[in-house]
């Protein structure tokens, strides 16, 4: 029985069945996986770039895509995630200053 057949045969299919782990055809969903490692690396690269430049600037995602490979849209997501961390750092530094 394939994952989809198992889901279709599950009572309550179509009524929130996907929320129950036993109904998911791929139990690894939501666990992070190897894609998350790559995202964390790209976020670290983007955070380094934000620190070097002193903050966000236009075209950073495209520049990182050219420099490190990949598509600009993926780098936009990483830059957005890094920007949240960068702003949090800046807020903490601002609170620590006398």
PDB file of N, CA and C in Angstrom:
ATOM      1  N   UNK A   1       0.845  -1.175   0.000  1.00  0.00           N
ATOM      2  CA  UNK A   1       0.000   0.000   0.000  1.00  0.00           C
ATOM      3  C   UNK A   1       0.893   1.241   0.000  1.00  0.00           C
ATOM      4  N   UNK A   2       0.663   2.141  -0.937  1.00  0.00           N
ATOM      5  CA  UNK A   2       1.457   3.372  -1.005  1.00  0.00           C
ATOM      6  C   UNK A   2       0.962   4.358   0.046  1.00  0.00           C
ATOM      7  N   UNK A   3       1.728   5.401   0.241  1.00  0.00           N
ATOM      8  CA  UNK A   3       1.355   6.412   1.220  1.00  0.00           C
ATOM      9  C   UNK A   3       0.007   7.033   0.912  1.00  0.00           C
ATOM     10  N   UNK A   4      -0.221   7.327  -0.367  1.00  0.00           N
ATOM     11  CA  UNK A   4      -1.482   7.954  -0.748  1.00  0.00           C
ATOM     12  C   UNK A   4      -2.650   6.997  -0.519  1.00  0.00           C
ATOM     13  N   UNK A   5      -2.457   5.715  -0.849  1.00  0.00           N
ATOM     14  CA  UNK A   5      -3.515   4.743  -0.610  1.00  0.00           C
ATOM     15  C   UNK A   5      -3.821   4.634   0.879  1.00  0.00           C
ATOM     16  N   UNK A   6      -2.763   4.709   1.695  1.00  0.00           N
ATOM     17  CA  UNK A   6      -2.956   4.632   3.137  1.00  0.00           C
ATOM     18  C   UNK A   6      -3.771   5.834   3.626  1.00  0.00           C
ATOM     19  N   UNK A   7      -3.483   7.009   3.063  1.00  0.00           N
ATOM     20  CA  UNK A   7      -4.194   8.216   3.472  1.00  0.00           C
ATOM     21  C   UNK A   7      -5.647   8.145   3.040  1.00  0.00           C
ATOM     22  N   UNK A   8      -5.886   7.723   1.803  1.00  0.00           N
ATOM     23  CA  UNK A   8      -7.248   7.659   1.291  1.00  0.00           C
ATOM     24  C   UNK A   8      -8.055   6.625   2.067  1.00  0.00           C
ATOM     25  N   UNK A   9      -7.402   5.537   2.491  1.00  0.00           N
ATOM     26  CA  UNK A   9      -8.102   4.487   3.222  1.00  0.00           C
ATOM     27  C   UNK A   9      -8.312   4.848   4.694  1.00  0.00           C
ATOM     28  N   UNK A  10      -7.710   5.927   5.145  1.00  0.00           N
ATOM     29  CA  UNK A  10      -7.820   6.311   6.551  1.00  0.00           C
ATOM     30  C   UNK A  10      -9.179   6.942   6.823  1.00  0.00           C
ATOM     31  N   UNK A  11      -9.858   6.502   7.867  1.00  0.00           N
ATOM     32  CA  UNK A  11     -11.135   7.131   8.214  1.00  0.00           C
ATOM     33  C   UNK A  11     -10.931   8.609   8.509  1.00  0.00           C
ATOM     34  N   UNK A  12     -11.849   9.425   8.068  1.00  0.00           N
ATOM     35  CA  UNK A  12     -11.763  10.849   8.328  1.00  0.00           C
ATOM     36  C   UNK A  12     -10.924  11.603   7.320  1.00  0.00           C
ATOM     37  N   UNK A  13     -10.537  10.939   6.234  1.00  0.00           N
ATOM     38  CA  UNK A  13      -9.751  11.638   5.212  1.00  0.00           C
ATOM     39  C   UNK A  13     -10.545  12.825   4.689  1.00  0.00           C
ATOM     40  N   UNK A  14      -9.886  13.937   4.588  1.00  0.00           N
ATOM     41  CA  UNK A  14     -10.544  15.135   4.114  1.00  0.00           C
ATOM     42  C   UNK A  14     -11.112  15.970   5.242  1.00  0.00           C
ATOM     43  N   UNK A  15     -11.010  15.474   6.446  1.00  0.00           N
ATOM     44  CA  UNK A  15     -11.516  16.208   7.598  1.00  0.00           C
ATOM     45  C   UNK A  15     -10.381  16.438   8.593  1.00  0.00           C
ATOM     46  N   UNK A  16      -9.291  16.972   8.095  1.00  0.00           N
ATOM     47  CA  UNK A  16      -8.160  17.241   8.969  1.00  0.00           C
ATOM     48  C   UNK A  16      -7.241  16.050   9.150  1.00  0.00           C
ATOM     49  N   UNK A  17      -7.381  15.043   8.285  1.00  0.00           N
ATOM     50  CA  UNK A  17      -6.572  13.842   8.427  1.00  0.00           C
ATOM     51  C   UNK A  17      -5.082  14.129   8.285  1.00  0.00           C
ATOM     52  N   UNK A  18      -4.731  15.125   7.498  1.00  0.00           N
ATOM     53  CA  UNK A  18      -3.311  15.427   7.287  1.00  0.00           C
ATOM     54  C   UNK A  18      -2.650  15.935   8.562  1.00  0.00           C
ATOM     55  N   UNK A  19      -3.450  16.371   9.500  1.00  0.00           N
ATOM     56  CA  UNK A  19      -2.878  16.855  10.755  1.00  0.00           C
ATOM     57  C   UNK A  19      -2.404  15.704  11.632  1.00  0.00           C
ATOM     58  N   UNK A  20      -2.980  14.529  11.433  1.00  0.00           N
ATOM     59  CA  UNK A  20      -2.583  13.374  12.238  1.00  0.00           C
ATOM     60  C   UNK A  20      -1.345  12.739  11.623  1.00  0.00           C
ATOM     61  N   UNK A  21      -0.270  12.568  12.389  1.00  0.00           N
ATOM     62  CA  UNK A  21       0.990  12.038  11.845  1.00  0.00           C
ATOM     63  C   UNK A  21       0.844  10.680  11.179  1.00  0.00           C
ATOM     64  N   UNK A  22      -0.040   9.823  11.691  1.00  0.00           N
ATOM     65  CA  UNK A  22      -0.170   8.490  11.103  1.00  0.00           C
ATOM     66  C   UNK A  22      -0.789   8.530   9.713  1.00  0.00           C
ATOM     67  N   UNK A  23      -1.369   9.663   9.317  1.00  0.00           N
ATOM     68  CA  UNK A  23      -2.008   9.785   8.014  1.00  0.00           C
ATOM     69  C   UNK A  23      -1.090  10.407   6.964  1.00  0.00           C
ATOM     70  N   UNK A  24       0.058  10.869   7.364  1.00  0.00           N
ATOM     71  CA  UNK A  24       0.955  11.522   6.414  1.00  0.00           C
ATOM     72  C   UNK A  24       1.760  10.477   5.647  1.00  0.00           C
ATOM     73  N   UNK A  25       1.815  10.606   4.324  1.00  0.00           N
ATOM     74  CA  UNK A  25       2.580   9.633   3.553  1.00  0.00           C
ATOM     75  C   UNK A  25       4.082   9.770   3.773  1.00  0.00           C
ATOM     76  N   UNK A  26       4.550  10.929   4.214  1.00  0.00           N
ATOM     77  CA  UNK A  26       5.971  11.158   4.440  1.00  0.00           C
ATOM     78  C   UNK A  26       6.161  11.615   5.879  1.00  0.00           C
ATOM     79  N   UNK A  27       6.461  10.698   6.788  1.00  0.00           N
ATOM     80  CA  UNK A  27       6.547  11.062   8.190  1.00  0.00           C
ATOM     81  C   UNK A  27       7.625  12.092   8.487  1.00  0.00           C
ATOM     82  N   UNK A  28       8.574  12.275   7.588  1.00  0.00           N
ATOM     83  CA  UNK A  28       9.657  13.215   7.845  1.00  0.00           C
ATOM     84  C   UNK A  28       9.235  14.667   7.631  1.00  0.00           C
ATOM     85  N   UNK A  29       8.038  14.904   7.109  1.00  0.00           N
ATOM     86  CA  UNK A  29       7.598  16.279   6.898  1.00  0.00           C
ATOM     87  C   UNK A  29       7.630  17.042   8.199  1.00  0.00           C
ATOM     88  N   UNK A  30       8.142  18.249   8.150  1.00  0.00           N
ATOM     89  CA  UNK A  30       8.166  19.084   9.336  1.00  0.00           C
ATOM     90  C   UNK A  30       9.358  18.830  10.235  1.00  0.00           C
ATOM     91  N   UNK A  31      10.240  17.911   9.861  1.00  0.00           N
ATOM     92  CA  UNK A  31      11.381  17.597  10.701  1.00  0.00           C
ATOM     93  C   UNK A  31      12.630  18.373  10.358  1.00  0.00           C
ATOM     94  N   UNK A  32      12.561  19.268   9.407  1.00  0.00           N
ATOM     95  CA  UNK A  32      13.753  20.022   9.019  1.00  0.00           C
ATOM     96  C   UNK A  32      14.430  19.367   7.842  1.00  0.00           C
ATOM     97  N   UNK A  33      15.179  18.325   8.091  1.00  0.00           N
ATOM     98  CA  UNK A  33      15.827  17.576   7.027  1.00  0.00           C
ATOM     99  C   UNK A  33      17.039  18.282   6.461  1.00  0.00           C
ATOM    100  N   UNK A  34      17.596  17.734   5.387  1.00  0.00           N
ATOM    101  CA  UNK A  34      18.829  18.296   4.823  1.00  0.00           C
ATOM    102  C   UNK A  34      18.640  19.692   4.240  1.00  0.00           C
ATOM    103  N   UNK A  35      17.440  20.026   3.795  1.00  0.00           N
ATOM    104  CA  UNK A  35      17.192  21.358   3.260  1.00  0.00           C
ATOM    105  C   UNK A  35      17.347  22.435   4.318  1.00  0.00           C
ATOM    106  N   UNK A  36      17.014  22.096   5.546  1.00  0.00           N
ATOM    107  CA  UNK A  36      17.132  23.064   6.638  1.00  0.00           C
ATOM    108  C   UNK A  36      18.597  23.388   6.921  1.00  0.00           C
ATOM    109  N   UNK A  37      19.463  22.400   6.829  1.00  0.00           N
ATOM    110  CA  UNK A  37      20.907  22.636   7.026  1.00  0.00           C
ATOM    111  C   UNK A  37      21.422  23.644   6.010  1.00  0.00           C
ATOM    112  N   UNK A  38      21.034  23.444   4.772  1.00  0.00           N
ATOM    113  CA  UNK A  38      21.469  24.353   3.709  1.00  0.00           C
ATOM    114  C   UNK A  38      20.922  25.757   3.956  1.00  0.00           C
ATOM    115  N   UNK A  39      19.661  25.865   4.394  1.00  0.00           N
ATOM    116  CA  UNK A  39      19.067  27.166   4.679  1.00  0.00           C
ATOM    117  C   UNK A  39      19.824  27.850   5.816  1.00  0.00           C
ATOM    118  N   UNK A  40      20.187  27.098   6.855  1.00  0.00           N
ATOM    119  CA  UNK A  40      20.910  27.684   7.978  1.00  0.00           C
ATOM    120  C   UNK A  40      22.275  28.220   7.542  1.00  0.00           C
ATOM    121  N   UNK A  41      22.923  27.483   6.639  1.00  0.00           N
ATOM    122  CA  UNK A  41      24.213  27.965   6.110  1.00  0.00           C
ATOM    123  C   UNK A  41      24.016  29.248   5.316  1.00  0.00           C
ATOM    124  N   UNK A  42      22.981  29.289   4.469  1.00  0.00           N
ATOM    125  CA  UNK A  42      22.753  30.486   3.661  1.00  0.00           C
ATOM    126  C   UNK A  42      22.334  31.668   4.529  1.00  0.00           C
ATOM    127  N   UNK A  43      21.604  31.408   5.607  1.00  0.00           N
ATOM    128  CA  UNK A  43      21.231  32.478   6.534  1.00  0.00           C
ATOM    129  C   UNK A  43      22.486  33.020   7.213  1.00  0.00           C
ATOM    130  N   UNK A  44      23.412  32.132   7.574  1.00  0.00           N
ATOM    131  CA  UNK A  44      24.665  32.574   8.195  1.00  0.00           C
ATOM    132  C   UNK A  44      25.474  33.439   7.234  1.00  0.00           C
ATOM    133  N   UNK A  45      25.507  33.063   5.957  1.00  0.00           N
ATOM    134  CA  UNK A  45      26.216  33.863   4.950  1.00  0.00           C
ATOM    135  C   UNK A  45      25.540  35.228   4.806  1.00  0.00           C
ATOM    136  N   UNK A  46      24.219  35.229   4.747  1.00  0.00           N
ATOM    137  CA  UNK A  46      23.476  36.488   4.606  1.00  0.00           C
ATOM    138  C   UNK A  46      23.668  37.368   5.841  1.00  0.00           C
ATOM    139  N   UNK A  47      23.688  36.768   7.020  1.00  0.00           N
ATOM    140  CA  UNK A  47      23.888  37.530   8.252  1.00  0.00           C
ATOM    141  C   UNK A  47      25.279  38.156   8.266  1.00  0.00           C
ATOM    142  N   UNK A  48      26.273  37.412   7.788  1.00  0.00           N
ATOM    143  CA  UNK A  48      27.618  37.968   7.666  1.00  0.00           C
ATOM    144  C   UNK A  48      27.651  39.160   6.724  1.00  0.00           C
ATOM    145  N   UNK A  49      26.938  39.062   5.627  1.00  0.00           N
ATOM    146  CA  UNK A  49      26.887  40.171   4.666  1.00  0.00           C
ATOM    147  C   UNK A  49      26.190  41.381   5.275  1.00  0.00           C
ATOM    148  N   UNK A  50      25.117  41.150   6.017  1.00  0.00           N
ATOM    149  CA  UNK A  50      24.415  42.257   6.671  1.00  0.00           C
ATOM    150  C   UNK A  50      25.327  42.952   7.679  1.00  0.00           C
ATOM    151  N   UNK A  51      26.090  42.172   8.421  1.00  0.00           N
ATOM    152  CA  UNK A  51      27.022  42.766   9.393  1.00  0.00           C
ATOM    153  C   UNK A  51      28.113  43.572   8.703  1.00  0.00           C
ATOM    154  N   UNK A  52      28.644  43.022   7.604  1.00  0.00           N
ATOM    155  CA  UNK A  52      29.710  43.732   6.864  1.00  0.00           C
ATOM    156  C   UNK A  52      29.215  45.059   6.312  1.00  0.00           C
ATOM    157  N   UNK A  53      27.977  45.059   5.812  1.00  0.00           N
ATOM    158  CA  UNK A  53      27.440  46.268   5.183  1.00  0.00           C
ATOM    159  C   UNK A  53      26.745  47.187   6.184  1.00  0.00           C
ATOM    160  N   UNK A  54      26.614  46.729   7.421  1.00  0.00           N
ATOM    161  CA  UNK A  54      25.984  47.560   8.439  1.00  0.00           C
ATOM    162  C   UNK A  54      24.470  47.568   8.383  1.00  0.00           C
ATOM    163  N   UNK A  55      23.889  46.680   7.640  1.00  0.00           N
ATOM    164  CA  UNK A  55      22.433  46.599   7.550  1.00  0.00           C
ATOM    165  C   UNK A  55      21.988  46.203   6.160  1.00  0.00           C
ATOM    166  N   UNK A  56      20.688  46.188   5.963  1.00  0.00           N
ATOM    167  CA  UNK A  56      20.152  45.742   4.669  1.00  0.00           C
ATOM    168  C   UNK A  56      20.431  46.758   3.568  1.00  0.00           C
ATOM    169  N   UNK A  57      20.521  46.243   2.373  1.00  0.00           N
ATOM    170  CA  UNK A  57      20.653  47.122   1.210  1.00  0.00           C
ATOM    171  C   UNK A  57      20.025  46.425   0.015  1.00  0.00           C
ATOM    172  N   UNK A  58      19.618  47.216  -0.902  1.00  0.00           N
ATOM    173  CA  UNK A  58      18.937  46.721  -2.094  1.00  0.00           C
ATOM    174  C   UNK A  58      19.877  45.833  -2.923  1.00  0.00           C
ATOM    175  N   UNK A  59      19.355  44.719  -3.387  1.00  0.00           N
ATOM    176  CA  UNK A  59      20.110  43.845  -4.268  1.00  0.00           C
ATOM    177  C   UNK A  59      21.013  42.849  -3.562  1.00  0.00           C
ATOM    178  N   UNK A  60      20.927  42.766  -2.236  1.00  0.00           N
ATOM    179  CA  UNK A  60      21.806  41.863  -1.499  1.00  0.00           C
ATOM    180  C   UNK A  60      21.560  40.404  -1.872  1.00  0.00           C
ATOM    181  N   UNK A  61      20.307  40.005  -1.999  1.00  0.00           N
ATOM    182  CA  UNK A  61      19.984  38.619  -2.337  1.00  0.00           C
ATOM    183  C   UNK A  61      20.533  38.256  -3.720  1.00  0.00           C
ATOM    184  N   UNK A  62      20.397  39.147  -4.675  1.00  0.00           N
ATOM    185  CA  UNK A  62      20.907  38.886  -6.026  1.00  0.00           C
ATOM    186  C   UNK A  62      22.426  38.793  -6.014  1.00  0.00           C
ATOM    187  N   UNK A  63      23.052  39.647  -5.229  1.00  0.00           N
ATOM    188  CA  UNK A  63      24.516  39.609  -5.125  1.00  0.00           C
ATOM    189  C   UNK A  63      24.985  38.285  -4.516  1.00  0.00           C
ATOM    190  N   UNK A  64      24.307  37.834  -3.476  1.00  0.00           N
ATOM    191  CA  UNK A  64      24.669  36.558  -2.845  1.00  0.00           C
ATOM    192  C   UNK A  64      24.422  35.388  -3.792  1.00  0.00           C
ATOM    193  N   UNK A  65      23.359  35.470  -4.586  1.00  0.00           N
ATOM    194  CA  UNK A  65      23.080  34.411  -5.567  1.00  0.00           C
ATOM    195  C   UNK A  65      24.190  34.333  -6.608  1.00  0.00           C
ATOM    196  N   UNK A  66      24.655  35.489  -7.071  1.00  0.00           N
ATOM    197  CA  UNK A  66      25.756  35.496  -8.047  1.00  0.00           C
ATOM    198  C   UNK A  66      27.053  34.980  -7.422  1.00  0.00           C
ATOM    199  N   UNK A  67      27.296  35.390  -6.200  1.00  0.00           N
ATOM    200  CA  UNK A  67      28.550  35.055  -5.518  1.00  0.00           C
ATOM    201  C   UNK A  67      28.616  33.593  -5.081  1.00  0.00           C
ATOM    202  N   UNK A  68      27.499  33.066  -4.562  1.00  0.00           N
ATOM    203  CA  UNK A  68      27.505  31.729  -3.965  1.00  0.00           C
ATOM    204  C   UNK A  68      26.704  30.698  -4.745  1.00  0.00           C
ATOM    205  N   UNK A  69      26.013  31.125  -5.789  1.00  0.00           N
ATOM    206  CA  UNK A  69      25.194  30.199  -6.567  1.00  0.00           C
ATOM    207  C   UNK A  69      23.782  30.132  -6.017  1.00  0.00           C
ATOM    208  N   UNK A  70      22.901  29.545  -6.780  1.00  0.00           N
ATOM    209  CA  UNK A  70      21.501  29.460  -6.379  1.00  0.00           C
ATOM    210  C   UNK A  70      20.692  30.556  -7.044  1.00  0.00           C
ATOM    211  N   UNK A  71      19.425  30.577  -6.701  1.00  0.00           N
ATOM    212  CA  UNK A  71      18.528  31.564  -7.281  1.00  0.00           C
ATOM    213  C   UNK A  71      18.280  32.686  -6.280  1.00  0.00           C
ATOM    214  N   UNK A  72      18.012  33.854  -6.797  1.00  0.00           N
ATOM    215  CA  UNK A  72      17.830  35.034  -5.948  1.00  0.00           C
ATOM    216  C   UNK A  72      16.658  34.858  -4.987  1.00  0.00           C
ATOM    217  N   UNK A  73      15.585  34.181  -5.407  1.00  0.00           N
ATOM    218  CA  UNK A  73      14.421  34.019  -4.541  1.00  0.00           C
ATOM    219  C   UNK A  73      14.777  33.244  -3.274  1.00  0.00           C
ATOM    220  N   UNK A  74      15.585  32.204  -3.397  1.00  0.00           N
ATOM    221  CA  UNK A  74      16.014  31.454  -2.216  1.00  0.00           C
ATOM    222  C   UNK A  74      16.855  32.326  -1.305  1.00  0.00           C
ATOM    223  N   UNK A  75      17.711  33.128  -1.910  1.00  0.00           N
ATOM    224  CA  UNK A  75      18.536  34.033  -1.116  1.00  0.00           C
ATOM    225  C   UNK A  75      17.698  35.124  -0.469  1.00  0.00           C
ATOM    226  N   UNK A  76      16.603  35.521  -1.116  1.00  0.00           N
ATOM    227  CA  UNK A  76      15.708  36.516  -0.502  1.00  0.00           C
ATOM    228  C   UNK A  76      15.139  35.978   0.803  1.00  0.00           C
ATOM    229  N   UNK A  77      14.755  34.698   0.795  1.00  0.00           N
ATOM    230  CA  UNK A  77      14.225  34.086   2.015  1.00  0.00           C
ATOM    231  C   UNK A  77      15.300  34.054   3.103  1.00  0.00           C
ATOM    232  N   UNK A  78      16.511  33.700   2.711  1.00  0.00           N
ATOM    233  CA  UNK A  78      17.608  33.645   3.678  1.00  0.00           C
ATOM    234  C   UNK A  78      17.943  35.024   4.214  1.00  0.00           C
ATOM    235  N   UNK A  79      17.939  36.026   3.345  1.00  0.00           N
ATOM    236  CA  UNK A  79      18.221  37.401   3.767  1.00  0.00           C
ATOM    237  C   UNK A  79      17.125  37.878   4.720  1.00  0.00           C
ATOM    238  N   UNK A  80      15.880  37.542   4.435  1.00  0.00           N
ATOM    239  CA  UNK A  80      14.781  37.946   5.317  1.00  0.00           C
ATOM    240  C   UNK A  80      14.949  37.324   6.702  1.00  0.00           C
ATOM    241  N   UNK A  81      15.311  36.056   6.737  1.00  0.00           N
ATOM    242  CA  UNK A  81      15.522  35.380   8.016  1.00  0.00           C
ATOM    243  C   UNK A  81      16.729  35.976   8.745  1.00  0.00           C
ATOM    244  N   UNK A  82      17.796  36.256   7.999  1.00  0.00           N
ATOM    245  CA  UNK A  82      18.990  36.855   8.589  1.00  0.00           C
ATOM    246  C   UNK A  82      18.709  38.277   9.067  1.00  0.00           C
ATOM    247  N   UNK A  83      17.869  38.994   8.341  1.00  0.00           N
ATOM    248  CA  UNK A  83      17.533  40.364   8.721  1.00  0.00           C
ATOM    249  C   UNK A  83      16.807  40.393  10.070  1.00  0.00           C
ATOM    250  N   UNK A  84      15.943  39.415  10.293  1.00  0.00           N
ATOM    251  CA  UNK A  84      15.252  39.334  11.587  1.00  0.00           C
ATOM    252  C   UNK A  84      16.266  39.123  12.708  1.00  0.00           C
ATOM    253  N   UNK A  85      17.245  38.251  12.474  1.00  0.00           N
ATOM    254  CA  UNK A  85      18.281  38.010  13.480  1.00  0.00           C
ATOM    255  C   UNK A  85      19.152  39.245  13.662  1.00  0.00           C
ATOM    256  N   UNK A  86      19.480  39.909  12.557  1.00  0.00           N
ATOM    257  CA  UNK A  86      20.316  41.116  12.602  1.00  0.00           C
ATOM    258  C   UNK A  86      19.614  42.222  13.392  1.00  0.00           C
ATOM    259  N   UNK A  87      18.333  42.431  13.128  1.00  0.00           N
ATOM    260  CA  UNK A  87      17.584  43.469  13.838  1.00  0.00           C
ATOM    261  C   UNK A  87      17.462  43.141  15.316  1.00  0.00           C
ATOM    262  N   UNK A  88      17.335  41.859  15.632  1.00  0.00           N
ATOM    263  CA  UNK A  88      17.281  41.439  17.026  1.00  0.00           C
ATOM    264  C   UNK A  88      18.612  41.736  17.719  1.00  0.00           C
ATOM    265  N   UNK A  89      19.716  41.449  17.023  1.00  0.00           N
ATOM    266  CA  UNK A  89      21.051  41.766  17.561  1.00  0.00           C
ATOM    267  C   UNK A  89      21.192  43.259  17.799  1.00  0.00           C
ATOM    268  N   UNK A  90      20.745  44.043  16.827  1.00  0.00           N
ATOM    269  CA  UNK A  90      20.860  45.495  16.934  1.00  0.00           C
ATOM    270  C   UNK A  90      20.040  46.022  18.103  1.00  0.00           C
ATOM    271  N   UNK A  91      18.865  45.466  18.299  1.00  0.00           N
ATOM    272  CA  UNK A  91      18.013  45.877  19.416  1.00  0.00           C
ATOM    273  C   UNK A  91      18.669  45.536  20.757  1.00  0.00           C
ATOM    274  N   UNK A  92      19.287  44.372  20.822  1.00  0.00           N
ATOM    275  CA  UNK A  92      19.967  43.966  22.057  1.00  0.00           C
ATOM    276  C   UNK A  92      21.183  44.848  22.312  1.00  0.00           C
ATOM    277  N   UNK A  93      21.925  45.187  21.255  1.00  0.00           N
ATOM    278  CA  UNK A  93      23.082  46.068  21.397  1.00  0.00           C
ATOM    279  C   UNK A  93      22.633  47.452  21.839  1.00  0.00           C
ATOM    280  N   UNK A  94      21.509  47.917  21.314  1.00  0.00           N
ATOM    281  CA  UNK A  94      20.976  49.215  21.681  1.00  0.00           C
ATOM    282  C   UNK A  94      20.541  49.264  23.127  1.00  0.00           C
ATOM    283  N   UNK A  95      19.986  48.143  23.619  1.00  0.00           N
ATOM    284  CA  UNK A  95      19.558  48.081  25.011  1.00  0.00           C
ATOM    285  C   UNK A  95      20.750  48.015  25.955  1.00  0.00           C
ATOM    286  N   UNK A  96      21.859  47.426  25.494  1.00  0.00           N
ATOM    287  CA  UNK A  96      23.041  47.274  26.340  1.00  0.00           C
ATOM    288  C   UNK A  96      23.858  48.561  26.410  1.00  0.00           C
ATOM    289  N   UNK A  97      23.673  49.469  25.460  1.00  0.00           N
ATOM    290  CA  UNK A  97      24.445  50.714  25.442  1.00  0.00           C
ATOM    291  C   UNK A  97      23.960  51.637  26.564  1.00  0.00           C
ATOM    292  N   UNK A  98      24.901  52.363  27.209  1.00  0.00           N
ATOM    293  CA  UNK A  98      24.477  53.277  28.275  1.00  0.00           C
ATOM    294  C   UNK A  98      23.827  54.513  27.742  1.00  0.00           C
TER     295      UNK A  98
END
